[in-house]
Amino acid sequence: MRKIIVLSMISLDGVMQAPGGPEE
């Protein structure tokens, strides 16, 4: 269960950073 959460967090982070999210 934790692995899925961690993986989704990492993939979400990658998706947000890949297109150059305005958050950072």
N, C-alpha and C. Protein backbone atom coordinates (compact mmCIF):
# COMPACT_ATOMS: atom_id res chain seq x y z
N MET A 1 0.85 -1.20 0.00
CA MET A 1 0.00 0.00 0.00
C MET A 1 0.88 1.25 0.00
N ARG A 2 1.90 1.25 0.86
CA ARG A 2 2.77 2.43 0.93
C ARG A 2 3.51 2.64 -0.38
N LYS A 3 3.93 1.52 -1.00
CA LYS A 3 4.68 1.63 -2.26
C LYS A 3 3.84 2.35 -3.31
N ILE A 4 2.56 2.01 -3.36
CA ILE A 4 1.67 2.64 -4.35
C ILE A 4 1.59 4.15 -4.10
N ILE A 5 1.45 4.53 -2.84
CA ILE A 5 1.35 5.95 -2.49
C ILE A 5 2.64 6.67 -2.87
N VAL A 6 3.77 6.05 -2.51
CA VAL A 6 5.07 6.67 -2.82
C VAL A 6 5.24 6.79 -4.33
N LEU A 7 4.87 5.73 -5.05
CA LEU A 7 5.03 5.75 -6.51
C LEU A 7 4.14 6.83 -7.13
N SER A 8 2.90 6.93 -6.65
CA SER A 8 1.99 7.94 -7.21
C SER A 8 2.51 9.34 -6.88
N MET A 9 3.11 9.50 -5.70
CA MET A 9 3.65 10.80 -5.32
C MET A 9 4.81 11.16 -6.24
N ILE A 10 5.68 10.18 -6.50
CA ILE A 10 6.86 10.41 -7.36
C ILE A 10 6.39 10.73 -8.79
N SER A 11 5.43 9.95 -9.30
CA SER A 11 4.95 10.17 -10.66
C SER A 11 4.26 11.53 -10.75
N LEU A 12 3.48 11.88 -9.73
CA LEU A 12 2.82 13.19 -9.72
C LEU A 12 3.86 14.30 -9.73
N ASP A 13 4.91 14.12 -8.91
CA ASP A 13 5.98 15.11 -8.84
C ASP A 13 6.65 15.25 -10.20
N GLY A 14 6.91 14.11 -10.85
CA GLY A 14 7.55 14.13 -12.17
C GLY A 14 6.65 14.81 -13.19
N VAL A 15 5.37 14.51 -13.15
CA VAL A 15 4.43 15.11 -14.12
C VAL A 15 4.37 16.62 -13.90
N MET A 16 4.39 17.04 -12.63
CA MET A 16 4.30 18.47 -12.32
C MET A 16 5.56 19.20 -12.77
N GLN A 17 6.72 18.56 -12.60
CA GLN A 17 7.99 19.22 -12.91
C GLN A 17 8.32 19.11 -14.40
N ALA A 18 7.90 18.02 -15.05
CA ALA A 18 8.25 17.79 -16.46
C ALA A 18 7.83 18.98 -17.34
N PRO A 19 6.56 19.38 -17.33
CA PRO A 19 6.12 20.49 -18.18
C PRO A 19 6.49 21.86 -17.59
N GLY A 20 7.21 21.87 -16.48
CA GLY A 20 7.61 23.15 -15.87
C GLY A 20 6.44 23.77 -15.13
N GLY A 21 5.99 23.08 -14.08
CA GLY A 21 4.85 23.58 -13.30
C GLY A 21 5.14 24.96 -12.72
N PRO A 22 4.13 25.81 -12.62
CA PRO A 22 4.32 27.18 -12.08
C PRO A 22 4.47 27.18 -10.56
N GLU A 23 4.30 26.02 -9.94
CA GLU A 23 4.39 25.95 -8.47
C GLU A 23 5.79 26.30 -7.99
N GLU A 24 6.81 25.76 -8.70
CA GLU A 24 8.19 25.99 -8.25
C GLU A 24 8.82 27.10 -9.07
